[in-house]
């Protein structure tokens, strides 16, 4: 996407800031944002990428899922607890 101008939303920026807070280690961090990395208007590309997403996540060292700010979602605290529980299950 080098050289491509992409307009983003406030939700994207809040996700980016949270990711920076959660993931920053001083090393290069690769971020996969499907809405940017997949041409959403191209059904063939989108379908292909959806089929390989399992492999992308399987190869990842760490996965951070952004569901939005709790302030944007009245169910935010419940979603946070559910995701934390899933994270704990993954460590078992």
C-alpha atoms as a PDB file:
ATOM      1  CA  UNK A   1       0.000   0.000   0.000  1.00  0.00           C
ATOM      2  CA  UNK A   2       3.028   2.261  -0.200  1.00  0.00           C
ATOM      3  CA  UNK A   3       2.086   5.606  -1.641  1.00  0.00           C
ATOM      4  CA  UNK A   4      -1.654   4.989  -1.393  1.00  0.00           C
ATOM      5  CA  UNK A   5      -3.723   7.560   0.493  1.00  0.00           C
ATOM      6  CA  UNK A   6      -6.265   5.908   2.774  1.00  0.00           C
ATOM      7  CA  UNK A   7      -8.890   7.864   4.666  1.00  0.00           C
ATOM      8  CA  UNK A   8      -9.660   6.338   8.024  1.00  0.00           C
ATOM      9  CA  UNK A   9     -12.248   6.627  10.728  1.00  0.00           C
ATOM     10  CA  UNK A  10     -11.973   7.591  14.383  1.00  0.00           C
ATOM     11  CA  UNK A  11     -12.450   3.901  15.224  1.00  0.00           C
ATOM     12  CA  UNK A  12      -9.369   3.026  13.169  1.00  0.00           C
ATOM     13  CA  UNK A  13      -7.274   5.589  15.052  1.00  0.00           C
ATOM     14  CA  UNK A  14      -8.487   4.414  18.452  1.00  0.00           C
ATOM     15  CA  UNK A  15      -7.611   0.838  17.413  1.00  0.00           C
ATOM     16  CA  UNK A  16      -4.173   1.969  16.242  1.00  0.00           C
ATOM     17  CA  UNK A  17      -3.493   3.755  19.533  1.00  0.00           C
ATOM     18  CA  UNK A  18      -4.635   0.728  21.548  1.00  0.00           C
ATOM     19  CA  UNK A  19      -2.495  -1.567  19.436  1.00  0.00           C
ATOM     20  CA  UNK A  20       0.500   0.686  19.958  1.00  0.00           C
ATOM     21  CA  UNK A  21      -0.120   0.542  23.718  1.00  0.00           C
ATOM     22  CA  UNK A  22      -0.601  -3.254  23.743  1.00  0.00           C
ATOM     23  CA  UNK A  23       1.948  -4.352  21.157  1.00  0.00           C
ATOM     24  CA  UNK A  24       4.856  -1.934  21.176  1.00  0.00           C
ATOM     25  CA  UNK A  25       8.098  -3.687  21.989  1.00  0.00           C
ATOM     26  CA  UNK A  26      10.533  -1.523  20.058  1.00  0.00           C
ATOM     27  CA  UNK A  27      10.532  -4.060  17.230  1.00  0.00           C
ATOM     28  CA  UNK A  28       8.699  -3.961  13.927  1.00  0.00           C
ATOM     29  CA  UNK A  29       5.035  -4.814  14.371  1.00  0.00           C
ATOM     30  CA  UNK A  30       3.046  -6.073  11.401  1.00  0.00           C
ATOM     31  CA  UNK A  31      -0.606  -5.159  11.458  1.00  0.00           C
ATOM     32  CA  UNK A  32      -3.266  -6.901   9.348  1.00  0.00           C
ATOM     33  CA  UNK A  33      -6.368  -4.781   8.864  1.00  0.00           C
ATOM     34  CA  UNK A  34      -8.659  -6.737   6.585  1.00  0.00           C
ATOM     35  CA  UNK A  35     -10.638  -3.666   5.553  1.00  0.00           C
ATOM     36  CA  UNK A  36      -7.386  -2.192   4.195  1.00  0.00           C
ATOM     37  CA  UNK A  37      -5.478  -5.312   3.193  1.00  0.00           C
ATOM     38  CA  UNK A  38      -8.329  -6.839   1.199  1.00  0.00           C
ATOM     39  CA  UNK A  39      -9.975  -5.023  -1.703  1.00  0.00           C
ATOM     40  CA  UNK A  40     -13.513  -5.126  -0.330  1.00  0.00           C
ATOM     41  CA  UNK A  41     -14.985  -4.323  -3.768  1.00  0.00           C
ATOM     42  CA  UNK A  42     -13.296  -7.324  -5.423  1.00  0.00           C
ATOM     43  CA  UNK A  43     -15.358 -10.424  -4.529  1.00  0.00           C
ATOM     44  CA  UNK A  44     -12.769 -12.819  -5.958  1.00  0.00           C
ATOM     45  CA  UNK A  45      -9.929 -11.341  -3.895  1.00  0.00           C
ATOM     46  CA  UNK A  46     -12.099 -11.041  -0.791  1.00  0.00           C
ATOM     47  CA  UNK A  47     -13.233 -14.679  -1.018  1.00  0.00           C
ATOM     48  CA  UNK A  48      -9.657 -15.868  -1.556  1.00  0.00           C
ATOM     49  CA  UNK A  49      -8.360 -13.873   1.425  1.00  0.00           C
ATOM     50  CA  UNK A  50     -11.137 -15.145   3.685  1.00  0.00           C
ATOM     51  CA  UNK A  51     -10.103 -18.707   2.786  1.00  0.00           C
ATOM     52  CA  UNK A  52      -6.471 -18.058   3.826  1.00  0.00           C
ATOM     53  CA  UNK A  53      -7.209 -16.034   6.969  1.00  0.00           C
ATOM     54  CA  UNK A  54      -6.998 -19.130   9.143  1.00  0.00           C
ATOM     55  CA  UNK A  55      -3.411 -19.648   7.975  1.00  0.00           C
ATOM     56  CA  UNK A  56      -2.603 -15.973   8.554  1.00  0.00           C
ATOM     57  CA  UNK A  57      -3.821 -16.169  12.159  1.00  0.00           C
ATOM     58  CA  UNK A  58      -2.202 -19.573  12.681  1.00  0.00           C
ATOM     59  CA  UNK A  59       1.189 -18.157  11.677  1.00  0.00           C
ATOM     60  CA  UNK A  60       0.833 -15.060  13.842  1.00  0.00           C
ATOM     61  CA  UNK A  61       2.893 -14.818  17.002  1.00  0.00           C
ATOM     62  CA  UNK A  62       0.184 -12.713  18.615  1.00  0.00           C
ATOM     63  CA  UNK A  63      -3.318 -11.667  17.573  1.00  0.00           C
ATOM     64  CA  UNK A  64      -5.026  -8.563  18.891  1.00  0.00           C
ATOM     65  CA  UNK A  65      -8.710  -8.301  17.988  1.00  0.00           C
ATOM     66  CA  UNK A  66     -10.268  -4.852  17.969  1.00  0.00           C
ATOM     67  CA  UNK A  67     -14.017  -4.776  18.530  1.00  0.00           C
ATOM     68  CA  UNK A  68     -14.183  -1.059  19.269  1.00  0.00           C
ATOM     69  CA  UNK A  69     -14.053   1.151  22.323  1.00  0.00           C
ATOM     70  CA  UNK A  70     -16.297   0.272  25.238  1.00  0.00           C
ATOM     71  CA  UNK A  71     -17.604   3.827  25.073  1.00  0.00           C
ATOM     72  CA  UNK A  72     -18.922   3.079  21.564  1.00  0.00           C
ATOM     73  CA  UNK A  73     -20.660  -0.090  22.662  1.00  0.00           C
ATOM     74  CA  UNK A  74     -22.926  -0.470  25.702  1.00  0.00           C
ATOM     75  CA  UNK A  75     -21.953  -4.170  25.756  1.00  0.00           C
ATOM     76  CA  UNK A  76     -18.252  -3.242  25.844  1.00  0.00           C
ATOM     77  CA  UNK A  77     -17.533  -4.495  29.396  1.00  0.00           C
ATOM     78  CA  UNK A  78     -19.229  -7.847  28.685  1.00  0.00           C
ATOM     79  CA  UNK A  79     -17.324  -8.191  25.393  1.00  0.00           C
ATOM     80  CA  UNK A  80     -14.071  -7.388  27.195  1.00  0.00           C
ATOM     81  CA  UNK A  81     -14.740 -10.090  29.812  1.00  0.00           C
ATOM     82  CA  UNK A  82     -15.595 -12.622  27.087  1.00  0.00           C
ATOM     83  CA  UNK A  83     -12.426 -11.855  25.126  1.00  0.00           C
ATOM     84  CA  UNK A  84     -10.327 -12.060  28.294  1.00  0.00           C
ATOM     85  CA  UNK A  85     -11.872 -15.467  29.020  1.00  0.00           C
ATOM     86  CA  UNK A  86     -11.054 -16.634  25.489  1.00  0.00           C
ATOM     87  CA  UNK A  87      -7.503 -15.403  25.903  1.00  0.00           C
ATOM     88  CA  UNK A  88      -7.135 -17.352  29.143  1.00  0.00           C
ATOM     89  CA  UNK A  89      -8.503 -20.483  27.456  1.00  0.00           C
ATOM     90  CA  UNK A  90      -5.950 -20.101  24.648  1.00  0.00           C
ATOM     91  CA  UNK A  91      -3.129 -20.158  27.209  1.00  0.00           C
ATOM     92  CA  UNK A  92      -4.221 -23.534  28.602  1.00  0.00           C
END
